[in-house]
């Protein structure tokens, strides 16, 4: 899992850009790509894929509090703090707002755009019930 993060974020971390006093996203949610055009609709309740999703959820939940569960929680944490903790040893510098402000701001922007903006339009359009 960490290797996938490395391949994605390492080239982005080395990119230098000017930062303002306040972090501004590269673009707004309205300017982002409309994810409903590239994310498929969720499976319907009678669809075999929906049953598979539920079975996968229950298999995962059966591992609650196991070492694998705890590692999955760490892997799923895409906060700036966690990403910085994972990549600090890789880049050979402590990534934080004080020592590497431009990298920190870039990560905040990427996580806002990739973690929220990238899926917001599809989530709003499909409104899948849980």
Protein backbone atom coordinates (compact mmCIF):
# COMPACT_ATOMS: atom_id res chain seq x y z
CA UNK A 1 0.00 0.00 0.00
CA UNK A 2 2.80 2.41 0.88
CA UNK A 3 4.47 1.76 -2.48
CA UNK A 4 1.37 2.99 -4.28
CA UNK A 5 1.44 6.19 -2.22
CA UNK A 6 5.13 6.55 -2.97
CA UNK A 7 4.65 6.23 -6.72
CA UNK A 8 1.86 8.80 -6.69
CA UNK A 9 3.09 11.38 -4.22
CA UNK A 10 6.88 11.34 -4.60
CA UNK A 11 6.93 13.14 -7.97
CA UNK A 12 4.45 15.65 -6.61
CA UNK A 13 6.46 16.29 -3.46
CA UNK A 14 9.53 17.35 -5.40
CA UNK A 15 7.56 19.91 -7.39
CA UNK A 16 8.15 23.38 -6.02
CA UNK A 17 5.51 26.06 -6.19
CA UNK A 18 4.91 29.42 -4.55
CA UNK A 19 2.62 29.39 -1.56
CA UNK A 20 0.47 32.15 -0.16
CA UNK A 21 -0.06 32.87 3.51
CA UNK A 22 -3.31 30.95 3.39
CA UNK A 23 -3.62 27.70 1.52
CA UNK A 24 -5.89 28.05 -1.49
CA UNK A 25 -6.90 24.99 -3.52
CA UNK A 26 -5.63 24.90 -7.08
CA UNK A 27 -9.24 25.12 -8.22
CA UNK A 28 -12.74 25.07 -6.77
CA UNK A 29 -15.06 22.08 -6.68
CA UNK A 30 -17.04 23.66 -9.52
CA UNK A 31 -13.90 23.79 -11.66
CA UNK A 32 -12.93 20.18 -11.00
CA UNK A 33 -13.65 17.29 -13.32
CA UNK A 34 -17.22 16.03 -12.99
CA UNK A 35 -16.73 12.56 -11.50
CA UNK A 36 -20.18 11.33 -12.44
CA UNK A 37 -18.84 11.01 -16.00
CA UNK A 38 -16.02 8.62 -15.08
CA UNK A 39 -17.25 6.87 -11.91
CA UNK A 40 -19.88 4.23 -12.65
CA UNK A 41 -23.16 4.25 -10.75
CA UNK A 42 -23.21 2.14 -7.60
CA UNK A 43 -24.74 -1.32 -7.96
CA UNK A 44 -28.45 -1.66 -7.22
CA UNK A 45 -29.66 -3.57 -4.15
CA UNK A 46 -30.46 -6.68 -6.24
CA UNK A 47 -27.20 -6.58 -8.18
CA UNK A 48 -24.63 -9.34 -7.44
CA UNK A 49 -21.97 -6.61 -7.13
CA UNK A 50 -23.95 -5.08 -4.24
CA UNK A 51 -24.04 -8.44 -2.45
CA UNK A 52 -20.32 -8.83 -3.06
CA UNK A 53 -19.71 -5.36 -1.57
CA UNK A 54 -21.68 -6.30 1.54
CA UNK A 55 -19.88 -9.65 1.88
CA UNK A 56 -16.51 -7.91 1.56
CA UNK A 57 -17.59 -5.45 4.25
CA UNK A 58 -18.57 -8.26 6.64
CA UNK A 59 -15.33 -10.18 5.93
CA UNK A 60 -13.35 -7.06 6.72
CA UNK A 61 -15.39 -6.29 9.82
CA UNK A 62 -14.74 -9.82 11.10
CA UNK A 63 -11.07 -8.79 11.41
CA UNK A 64 -11.89 -5.89 13.74
CA UNK A 65 -9.08 -5.13 16.22
CA UNK A 66 -6.68 -7.56 14.49
CA UNK A 67 -3.25 -6.34 13.34
CA UNK A 68 -4.54 -6.31 9.74
CA UNK A 69 -7.51 -4.13 10.79
CA UNK A 70 -5.17 -1.68 12.49
CA UNK A 71 -2.87 -1.55 9.46
CA UNK A 72 -5.86 -0.99 7.17
CA UNK A 73 -6.90 1.96 9.35
CA UNK A 74 -3.42 3.47 9.01
CA UNK A 75 -3.43 2.87 5.24
CA UNK A 76 -6.85 4.50 4.90
CA UNK A 77 -5.82 7.62 6.82
CA UNK A 78 -5.21 10.19 4.10
CA UNK A 79 -4.77 13.12 6.44
CA UNK A 80 -1.90 15.47 5.68
CA UNK A 81 -0.27 14.46 8.95
CA UNK A 82 -0.30 10.75 8.10
CA UNK A 83 0.87 11.22 4.52
CA UNK A 84 3.69 13.44 5.80
CA UNK A 85 4.66 10.81 8.38
CA UNK A 86 4.79 8.10 5.70
CA UNK A 87 6.82 10.14 3.21
CA UNK A 88 9.20 12.00 5.52
CA UNK A 89 11.68 9.09 5.63
CA UNK A 90 11.39 8.59 1.86
CA UNK A 91 12.28 12.20 1.00
CA UNK A 92 14.86 12.41 3.79
CA UNK A 93 13.26 15.43 5.45
CA UNK A 94 10.58 15.95 8.05
CA UNK A 95 7.48 17.14 6.21
CA UNK A 96 5.63 19.65 8.39
CA UNK A 97 4.27 23.20 8.14
CA UNK A 98 7.37 24.73 9.74
CA UNK A 99 10.22 22.97 7.91
CA UNK A 100 8.60 22.27 4.53
CA UNK A 101 5.69 24.73 4.20
CA UNK A 102 5.39 24.52 0.41
CA UNK A 103 5.26 20.73 0.41
CA UNK A 104 2.80 20.79 3.31
CA UNK A 105 0.51 23.23 1.49
CA UNK A 106 0.75 21.21 -1.71
CA UNK A 107 -0.29 18.05 0.17
CA UNK A 108 -3.24 19.89 1.69
CA UNK A 109 -4.34 21.00 -1.77
CA UNK A 110 -3.91 17.56 -3.30
CA UNK A 111 -5.84 15.87 -0.53
CA UNK A 112 -8.65 18.42 -0.77
CA UNK A 113 -8.92 18.02 -4.52
CA UNK A 114 -8.32 14.26 -4.64
CA UNK A 115 -10.12 13.32 -1.46
CA UNK A 116 -13.16 15.53 -1.76
CA UNK A 117 -13.49 17.38 -5.05
CA UNK A 118 -12.67 14.31 -7.15
CA UNK A 119 -15.70 12.37 -5.95
CA UNK A 120 -18.14 15.04 -4.78
CA UNK A 121 -20.17 15.36 -7.98
CA UNK A 122 -20.69 11.59 -8.34
CA UNK A 123 -21.65 11.23 -4.67
CA UNK A 124 -24.14 14.08 -4.98
CA UNK A 125 -25.55 12.73 -8.25
CA UNK A 126 -25.95 9.07 -7.25
CA UNK A 127 -26.78 9.56 -3.54
CA UNK A 128 -26.15 5.88 -2.73
CA UNK A 129 -27.95 4.72 0.38
CA UNK A 130 -25.90 2.94 3.00
